[in-house]
C-alpha atoms as a PDB file:
ATOM      1  CA  UNK A   1      14.274 -28.320  -2.505  1.00  0.00           C
ATOM      2  CA  UNK A   2      12.076 -32.228  -2.688  1.00  0.00           C
ATOM      3  CA  UNK A   3       8.990 -30.573  -1.083  1.00  0.00           C
ATOM      4  CA  UNK A   4       9.500 -27.652  -3.736  1.00  0.00           C
ATOM      5  CA  UNK A   5       9.371 -30.482  -6.351  1.00  0.00           C
ATOM      6  CA  UNK A   6       7.042 -32.790  -4.555  1.00  0.00           C
ATOM      7  CA  UNK A   7       3.998 -29.976  -5.089  1.00  0.00           C
ATOM      8  CA  UNK A   8       4.632 -29.918  -8.996  1.00  0.00           C
ATOM      9  CA  UNK A   9       5.205 -33.859  -9.097  1.00  0.00           C
ATOM     10  CA  UNK A  10       1.406 -34.870  -7.219  1.00  0.00           C
ATOM     11  CA  UNK A  11       0.051 -32.643  -9.299  1.00  0.00           C
ATOM     12  CA  UNK A  12       1.320 -34.240 -12.615  1.00  0.00           C
ATOM     13  CA  UNK A  13       0.786 -37.747 -11.115  1.00  0.00           C
ATOM     14  CA  UNK A  14      -2.748 -36.521 -10.296  1.00  0.00           C
ATOM     15  CA  UNK A  15      -4.008 -35.032 -13.501  1.00  0.00           C
ATOM     16  CA  UNK A  16      -2.806 -38.559 -15.154  1.00  0.00           C
ATOM     17  CA  UNK A  17      -5.324 -40.083 -12.959  1.00  0.00           C
ATOM     18  CA  UNK A  18      -8.995 -41.210 -14.279  1.00  0.00           C
ATOM     19  CA  UNK A  19     -11.552 -40.055 -11.691  1.00  0.00           C
ATOM     20  CA  UNK A  20     -11.864 -36.198 -10.596  1.00  0.00           C
ATOM     21  CA  UNK A  21     -11.351 -37.957  -6.805  1.00  0.00           C
ATOM     22  CA  UNK A  22      -7.805 -39.822  -7.077  1.00  0.00           C
ATOM     23  CA  UNK A  23      -6.721 -35.530  -9.039  1.00  0.00           C
ATOM     24  CA  UNK A  24      -8.247 -34.334  -5.408  1.00  0.00           C
ATOM     25  CA  UNK A  25      -5.946 -36.784  -2.860  1.00  0.00           C
ATOM     26  CA  UNK A  26      -2.998 -35.811  -5.498  1.00  0.00           C
ATOM     27  CA  UNK A  27      -3.814 -32.349  -4.957  1.00  0.00           C
ATOM     28  CA  UNK A  28      -4.060 -32.803  -1.300  1.00  0.00           C
ATOM     29  CA  UNK A  29      -0.783 -34.199  -1.351  1.00  0.00           C
ATOM     30  CA  UNK A  30       0.045 -31.499  -3.159  1.00  0.00           C
ATOM     31  CA  UNK A  31      -0.809 -28.435  -0.854  1.00  0.00           C
ATOM     32  CA  UNK A  32       0.812 -30.601   2.353  1.00  0.00           C
ATOM     33  CA  UNK A  33       4.282 -30.215   0.318  1.00  0.00           C
ATOM     34  CA  UNK A  34       3.555 -26.425   0.213  1.00  0.00           C
ATOM     35  CA  UNK A  35       2.561 -26.159   3.883  1.00  0.00           C
ATOM     36  CA  UNK A  36       6.215 -28.516   4.655  1.00  0.00           C
ATOM     37  CA  UNK A  37       8.442 -25.723   1.622  1.00  0.00           C
ATOM     38  CA  UNK A  38       7.146 -22.611   4.341  1.00  0.00           C
ATOM     39  CA  UNK A  39       8.089 -24.517   7.252  1.00  0.00           C
ATOM     40  CA  UNK A  40      11.617 -25.719   5.605  1.00  0.00           C
ATOM     41  CA  UNK A  41      12.050 -21.909   4.893  1.00  0.00           C
ATOM     42  CA  UNK A  42      11.784 -20.677   8.629  1.00  0.00           C
ATOM     43  CA  UNK A  43      14.416 -22.874   9.655  1.00  0.00           C
ATOM     44  CA  UNK A  44      15.807 -21.557   6.727  1.00  0.00           C
ATOM     45  CA  UNK A  45      15.645 -18.142   8.055  1.00  0.00           C
ATOM     46  CA  UNK A  46      16.054 -18.937  11.293  1.00  0.00           C
ATOM     47  CA  UNK A  47      19.362 -20.394  10.475  1.00  0.00           C
ATOM     48  CA  UNK A  48      20.914 -16.643   8.218  1.00  0.00           C
ATOM     49  CA  UNK A  49      20.478 -19.159   4.911  1.00  0.00           C
ATOM     50  CA  UNK A  50      17.968 -16.298   3.291  1.00  0.00           C
ATOM     51  CA  UNK A  51      17.072 -12.919   4.401  1.00  0.00           C
ATOM     52  CA  UNK A  52      14.089 -11.581   5.970  1.00  0.00           C
ATOM     53  CA  UNK A  53      12.964  -9.803   2.864  1.00  0.00           C
ATOM     54  CA  UNK A  54      13.662 -13.698   0.564  1.00  0.00           C
ATOM     55  CA  UNK A  55      11.696 -15.389   2.634  1.00  0.00           C
ATOM     56  CA  UNK A  56       8.820 -12.750   3.028  1.00  0.00           C
ATOM     57  CA  UNK A  57       8.693 -13.303  -0.661  1.00  0.00           C
ATOM     58  CA  UNK A  58       9.001 -16.743  -1.002  1.00  0.00           C
ATOM     59  CA  UNK A  59       6.505 -17.480   2.144  1.00  0.00           C
ATOM     60  CA  UNK A  60       3.829 -15.471   0.048  1.00  0.00           C
ATOM     61  CA  UNK A  61       4.383 -17.474  -3.173  1.00  0.00           C
ATOM     62  CA  UNK A  62       4.220 -20.613  -1.095  1.00  0.00           C
ATOM     63  CA  UNK A  63       0.952 -19.210  -0.001  1.00  0.00           C
ATOM     64  CA  UNK A  64      -0.715 -18.576  -3.496  1.00  0.00           C
ATOM     65  CA  UNK A  65       0.218 -21.741  -4.552  1.00  0.00           C
ATOM     66  CA  UNK A  66      -2.399 -23.225  -1.677  1.00  0.00           C
ATOM     67  CA  UNK A  67      -4.358 -20.896  -1.927  1.00  0.00           C
ATOM     68  CA  UNK A  68      -4.654 -21.519  -6.386  1.00  0.00           C
ATOM     69  CA  UNK A  69      -4.591 -25.600  -5.358  1.00  0.00           C
ATOM     70  CA  UNK A  70      -7.493 -24.593  -2.363  1.00  0.00           C
ATOM     71  CA  UNK A  71      -9.513 -22.944  -5.236  1.00  0.00           C
ATOM     72  CA  UNK A  72      -8.721 -25.786  -7.818  1.00  0.00           C
ATOM     73  CA  UNK A  73     -10.013 -29.031  -5.235  1.00  0.00           C
ATOM     74  CA  UNK A  74     -13.507 -27.291  -4.396  1.00  0.00           C
ATOM     75  CA  UNK A  75     -13.631 -26.624  -8.201  1.00  0.00           C
ATOM     76  CA  UNK A  76     -13.485 -30.216  -9.026  1.00  0.00           C
ATOM     77  CA  UNK A  77     -15.500 -32.040  -5.821  1.00  0.00           C
ATOM     78  CA  UNK A  78     -18.182 -29.051  -6.855  1.00  0.00           C
ATOM     79  CA  UNK A  79     -18.318 -30.731 -10.405  1.00  0.00           C
ATOM     80  CA  UNK A  80     -17.844 -34.546  -8.984  1.00  0.00           C
ATOM     81  CA  UNK A  81     -21.202 -33.221  -6.972  1.00  0.00           C
END
């Protein structure tokens, strides 16, 4: 739960920074938190806390978040150059 909250928190904190470069840094941290969520989903599934169906749905959602963050990072780096 903390890792999931960390994703949006880092996006918000980065947005408040003065430069795109700083924003990108926080977007990278948010992307790392997305990977953390995905690894915790594996643990939850292995321990039987969530079904395989729930795992797949949530993992794919986290994967989409990671892809969106990657695209936004690329966009901001292109704007800054």
